[in-house]
């Protein structure tokens, strides 16, 4: 009989390399710090060198290992260059797709440009990132993990975030598609569905009135704190902890998705 692993062993990411696309954002930066705390070497991918290097400094000052790579999630060329760097460094074990933007423009006023931007950043970047980095994740000795960041708006539509919600619904679909497509390469693909967490991309959405409405629809009666996503992330990132989990949608939303009326 095989001895059970200790909790520390289950979530030990030492010896792995993880990339966080959108790692310069509030949630993405938190994901990068979390993975580094578990022992992973972290690559922070994003557009802002200032914010990216700040995340790297936090990780290094805490005793972790990290570096920043300038990447535009909407630009295939920058992602391919990052993938080449990853390949030359020995490959990748974990990929987190956390790039995102939001908008509160009313449906009748959404321009083609804005619509395309929302889909490009929130959905096409996931497709593109998975496609480009898959060779670096394939057939890793301990298996590899892709974690896509979806949203509570991906389920029954939420008001005022049409393009964002449509894109995140697509993230759910591509997550399940790739779970099947990439399983033969030893790559698990799952998604975290966060509830409502104060962050840059939803600041305009979370008015006082809307917050009150959200909390009234949330059994735990509050918004989430970014670090409350860490447990789900570590579980999905670790092949020891979730090696038989793929195609899953993990809601971290205080019960929001469990409510109807």
Protein backbone atom coordinates (compact mmCIF):
# COMPACT_ATOMS: atom_id res chain seq x y z
CA UNK A 1 0.00 0.00 0.00
CA UNK A 2 1.35 3.42 -0.99
CA UNK A 3 1.71 5.83 1.91
CA UNK A 4 -0.40 8.96 1.72
CA UNK A 5 1.50 12.11 0.87
CA UNK A 6 1.56 14.86 3.45
CA UNK A 7 -0.20 18.14 2.64
CA UNK A 8 3.21 19.77 2.28
CA UNK A 9 4.22 17.22 -0.36
CA UNK A 10 0.94 17.53 -2.24
CA UNK A 11 1.40 21.24 -2.79
CA UNK A 12 5.19 21.36 -3.16
CA UNK A 13 6.05 22.95 -6.52
CA UNK A 14 9.81 22.98 -6.06
CA UNK A 15 11.58 21.99 -9.25
CA UNK A 16 8.79 23.26 -11.48
CA UNK A 17 8.56 26.30 -13.73
CA UNK A 18 5.31 28.29 -13.95
CA UNK A 19 4.32 31.12 -16.28
CA UNK A 20 1.54 33.58 -15.46
CA UNK A 21 0.15 35.49 -18.44
CA UNK A 22 -1.34 38.67 -17.04
CA UNK A 23 1.02 38.38 -14.09
CA UNK A 24 1.26 42.16 -13.78
CA UNK A 25 -2.41 42.51 -12.74
CA UNK A 26 -3.86 42.36 -9.24
CA UNK A 27 -5.06 38.76 -9.47
CA UNK A 28 -2.28 37.63 -11.79
CA UNK A 29 0.39 39.12 -9.57
CA UNK A 30 -1.15 37.30 -6.63
CA UNK A 31 -1.05 34.04 -8.58
CA UNK A 32 2.63 34.57 -9.38
CA UNK A 33 3.48 35.20 -5.72
CA UNK A 34 1.44 32.18 -4.63
CA UNK A 35 3.18 29.80 -7.03
CA UNK A 36 6.58 31.14 -5.99
CA UNK A 37 5.74 30.62 -2.33
CA UNK A 38 5.07 26.96 -3.16
CA UNK A 39 8.55 26.72 -4.65
CA UNK A 40 7.97 27.19 -8.38
CA UNK A 41 10.29 29.26 -10.53
CA UNK A 42 7.88 31.88 -11.86
CA UNK A 43 7.84 33.74 -15.14
CA UNK A 44 5.73 36.90 -14.91
CA UNK A 45 4.34 37.68 -18.37
CA UNK A 46 2.73 41.04 -19.08
CA UNK A 47 3.00 44.40 -20.77
CA UNK A 48 4.06 46.63 -17.88
CA UNK A 49 7.73 46.25 -17.01
CA UNK A 50 7.23 48.47 -13.95
CA UNK A 51 4.49 46.32 -12.47
CA UNK A 52 6.06 43.08 -13.62
CA UNK A 53 9.38 43.89 -12.03
CA UNK A 54 7.59 44.89 -8.83
CA UNK A 55 6.00 41.43 -8.66
CA UNK A 56 9.39 39.85 -9.33
CA UNK A 57 10.99 41.95 -6.59
CA UNK A 58 8.32 40.85 -4.10
CA UNK A 59 9.00 37.21 -4.96
CA UNK A 60 12.78 37.50 -4.83
CA UNK A 61 12.68 39.46 -1.56
CA UNK A 62 10.61 36.65 -0.08
CA UNK A 63 13.26 34.12 -1.10
CA UNK A 64 11.65 32.91 -4.32
CA UNK A 65 12.77 32.76 -7.93
CA UNK A 66 11.13 34.86 -10.64
CA UNK A 67 11.76 36.88 -13.77
CA UNK A 68 9.73 39.23 -15.95
CA UNK A 69 9.16 38.74 -19.67
CA UNK A 70 7.50 41.54 -21.63
CA UNK A 71 4.51 40.04 -23.43
CA UNK A 72 1.36 41.44 -25.03
CA UNK A 73 -1.37 38.84 -24.71
CA UNK A 74 -2.87 40.09 -27.99
CA UNK A 75 0.41 39.77 -29.93
CA UNK A 76 1.37 36.31 -31.18
CA UNK A 77 4.95 37.38 -31.85
CA UNK A 78 5.67 38.36 -28.25
CA UNK A 79 4.13 35.12 -26.98
CA UNK A 80 6.22 33.07 -29.41
CA UNK A 81 9.36 34.87 -28.26
CA UNK A 82 8.47 34.10 -24.64
CA UNK A 83 7.83 30.45 -25.53
CA UNK A 84 11.27 30.28 -27.18
CA UNK A 85 12.84 31.57 -23.98
CA UNK A 86 10.92 28.99 -21.96
CA UNK A 87 12.02 26.25 -24.31
CA UNK A 88 15.66 27.21 -24.07
CA UNK A 89 15.35 27.18 -20.26
CA UNK A 90 14.00 23.61 -20.21
CA UNK A 91 10.24 23.86 -20.69
CA UNK A 92 7.23 24.66 -18.55
CA UNK A 93 5.17 22.78 -15.96
CA UNK A 94 2.36 25.24 -15.22
CA UNK A 95 0.68 27.89 -17.35
CA UNK A 96 -1.84 30.32 -15.86
CA UNK A 97 -3.90 32.43 -18.26
CA UNK A 98 -4.98 35.46 -16.27
CA UNK A 99 -4.96 38.34 -18.77
CA UNK A 100 -8.21 40.27 -18.74
CA UNK A 101 -10.01 43.56 -19.36
CA UNK A 102 -13.61 44.56 -18.69
CA UNK A 103 -16.05 47.22 -19.84
CA UNK A 104 -19.40 48.60 -18.70
CA UNK A 105 -20.44 50.10 -22.04
CA UNK A 106 -24.18 49.52 -22.64
CA UNK A 107 -24.97 46.94 -25.32
CA UNK A 108 -26.35 49.46 -27.83
CA UNK A 109 -23.19 51.57 -27.58
CA UNK A 110 -20.52 48.85 -27.85
CA UNK A 111 -18.37 49.53 -30.89
CA UNK A 112 -16.81 46.83 -33.05
CA UNK A 113 -13.42 47.95 -31.78
CA UNK A 114 -14.39 47.52 -28.13
CA UNK A 115 -16.12 44.18 -28.77
CA UNK A 116 -13.09 42.83 -30.60
CA UNK A 117 -10.76 44.08 -27.85
CA UNK A 118 -12.78 42.29 -25.14
CA UNK A 119 -12.74 39.03 -27.07
CA UNK A 120 -9.09 39.40 -28.01
CA UNK A 121 -7.78 39.95 -24.48
CA UNK A 122 -10.15 37.70 -22.55
CA UNK A 123 -10.63 34.77 -24.93
CA UNK A 124 -8.33 34.77 -27.94
CA UNK A 125 -5.32 35.26 -25.67
CA UNK A 126 -6.20 31.97 -23.94
CA UNK A 127 -6.44 30.12 -27.25
CA UNK A 128 -3.22 31.69 -28.47
CA UNK A 129 -1.30 31.13 -25.23
CA UNK A 130 -2.33 27.48 -24.96
CA UNK A 131 -1.47 26.83 -28.59
CA UNK A 132 1.94 28.47 -28.38
CA UNK A 133 3.03 27.10 -25.00
CA UNK A 134 1.63 23.57 -25.40
CA UNK A 135 4.91 22.22 -26.86
CA UNK A 136 6.76 23.50 -23.78
CA UNK A 137 4.24 21.73 -21.51
CA UNK A 138 4.04 18.43 -23.39
CA UNK A 139 5.18 15.16 -21.84
CA UNK A 140 6.71 16.61 -18.69
CA UNK A 141 7.92 13.89 -16.29
CA UNK A 142 5.32 14.78 -13.63
CA UNK A 143 2.67 16.02 -16.03
CA UNK A 144 1.77 19.64 -16.74
CA UNK A 145 -1.11 21.92 -15.87
CA UNK A 146 -2.90 24.80 -17.58
CA UNK A 147 -5.14 26.91 -15.37
CA UNK A 148 -7.43 29.35 -17.15
CA UNK A 149 -9.10 32.17 -15.24
CA UNK A 150 -12.79 32.46 -16.07
CA UNK A 151 -15.44 34.53 -14.28
CA UNK A 152 -18.82 34.35 -12.57
CA UNK A 153 -20.08 36.26 -15.62
CA UNK A 154 -19.41 33.17 -17.78
CA UNK A 155 -22.55 31.41 -16.54
CA UNK A 156 -26.02 32.95 -16.58
CA UNK A 157 -25.31 36.40 -18.05
CA UNK A 158 -24.66 39.28 -15.71
CA UNK A 159 -25.84 42.77 -16.59
CA UNK A 160 -23.44 45.45 -17.88
CA UNK A 161 -20.58 43.15 -18.92
CA UNK A 162 -21.76 41.63 -22.20
CA UNK A 163 -18.45 41.28 -24.05
CA UNK A 164 -16.57 40.16 -20.96
CA UNK A 165 -19.20 37.54 -20.13
CA UNK A 166 -19.29 36.18 -23.68
CA UNK A 167 -15.50 35.90 -23.71
CA UNK A 168 -15.38 34.13 -20.35
CA UNK A 169 -18.07 31.68 -21.47
CA UNK A 170 -15.70 30.92 -24.32
CA UNK A 171 -12.89 30.35 -21.82
CA UNK A 172 -14.99 27.66 -20.15
CA UNK A 173 -15.63 25.98 -23.49
CA UNK A 174 -12.02 26.05 -24.67
CA UNK A 175 -10.90 24.75 -21.27
CA UNK A 176 -13.03 21.64 -21.64
CA UNK A 177 -12.10 21.21 -25.29
CA UNK A 178 -8.37 21.39 -24.53
CA UNK A 179 -8.75 19.04 -21.56
CA UNK A 180 -9.59 16.38 -24.12
CA UNK A 181 -7.24 17.60 -26.83
CA UNK A 182 -4.09 17.81 -24.69
CA UNK A 183 -4.60 14.86 -22.34
CA UNK A 184 -2.49 12.58 -24.54
CA UNK A 185 0.43 15.00 -24.08
CA UNK A 186 0.17 14.78 -20.30
CA UNK A 187 -1.35 18.26 -19.97
CA UNK A 188 -4.32 18.85 -17.68
CA UNK A 189 -6.50 21.88 -18.43
CA UNK A 190 -8.84 23.36 -15.83
CA UNK A 191 -10.41 26.70 -15.00
CA UNK A 192 -11.00 28.74 -11.88
CA UNK A 193 -14.25 30.71 -11.87
CA UNK A 194 -13.75 33.58 -9.43
CA UNK A 195 -16.70 35.34 -7.95
CA UNK A 196 -16.31 39.02 -7.18
CA UNK A 197 -12.88 40.24 -6.15
CA UNK A 198 -11.94 43.93 -6.24
CA UNK A 199 -9.42 44.33 -9.07
CA UNK A 200 -8.47 46.86 -11.72
CA UNK A 201 -10.57 45.35 -14.52
CA UNK A 202 -13.81 45.41 -12.51
CA UNK A 203 -13.40 48.63 -10.55
CA UNK A 204 -15.84 50.50 -12.81
CA UNK A 205 -18.37 47.67 -12.50
CA UNK A 206 -18.38 47.39 -8.72
CA UNK A 207 -20.44 50.42 -7.75
CA UNK A 208 -21.87 50.52 -4.23
CA UNK A 209 -25.31 49.56 -5.53
CA UNK A 210 -23.90 46.63 -7.49
CA UNK A 211 -21.79 45.45 -4.56
CA UNK A 212 -24.89 45.41 -2.36
CA UNK A 213 -26.72 43.37 -5.00
CA UNK A 214 -23.84 40.90 -5.34
CA UNK A 215 -23.51 40.43 -1.60
CA UNK A 216 -27.25 39.88 -1.34
CA UNK A 217 -26.90 37.05 -3.87
CA UNK A 218 -23.83 35.53 -2.19
CA UNK A 219 -24.43 33.08 0.68
CA UNK A 220 -21.17 34.08 2.42
CA UNK A 221 -22.37 37.71 2.29
CA UNK A 222 -19.15 39.41 1.22
CA UNK A 223 -16.75 39.96 -1.68
CA UNK A 224 -13.72 37.73 -1.99
CA UNK A 225 -10.13 38.52 -1.11
CA UNK A 226 -7.59 37.76 -3.89
CA UNK A 227 -5.60 35.35 -1.70
CA UNK A 228 -8.71 33.20 -1.33
CA UNK A 229 -8.05 31.99 -4.88
CA UNK A 230 -4.65 30.58 -3.90
CA UNK A 231 -5.89 27.22 -2.63
CA UNK A 232 -7.69 26.39 -5.87
CA UNK A 233 -4.71 27.54 -7.91
CA UNK A 234 -2.20 25.44 -5.98
CA UNK A 235 -4.45 22.39 -6.12
CA UNK A 236 -4.87 22.64 -9.89
CA UNK A 237 -1.21 23.48 -10.48
CA UNK A 238 0.09 20.50 -8.54
CA UNK A 239 0.10 17.19 -10.40
CA UNK A 240 0.45 15.43 -7.05
CA UNK A 241 -2.69 17.04 -5.66
CA UNK A 242 -4.93 17.05 -8.75
CA UNK A 243 -3.34 14.62 -11.16
CA UNK A 244 -6.71 13.08 -12.06
CA UNK A 245 -8.49 16.41 -12.52
CA UNK A 246 -8.94 17.89 -15.99
CA UNK A 247 -11.76 19.78 -17.68
CA UNK A 248 -13.00 21.02 -14.30
CA UNK A 249 -14.52 24.41 -13.54
CA UNK A 250 -13.76 25.36 -9.94
CA UNK A 251 -16.01 28.13 -8.62
CA UNK A 252 -14.47 30.28 -5.88
CA UNK A 253 -17.37 32.64 -5.44
CA UNK A 254 -18.77 32.47 -1.92
CA UNK A 255 -21.70 30.45 -3.23
CA UNK A 256 -22.81 33.01 -5.83
CA UNK A 257 -23.29 30.38 -8.54
CA UNK A 258 -25.34 28.19 -6.20
CA UNK A 259 -28.11 30.79 -5.89
CA UNK A 260 -31.10 31.20 -8.18
CA UNK A 261 -33.61 33.48 -6.45
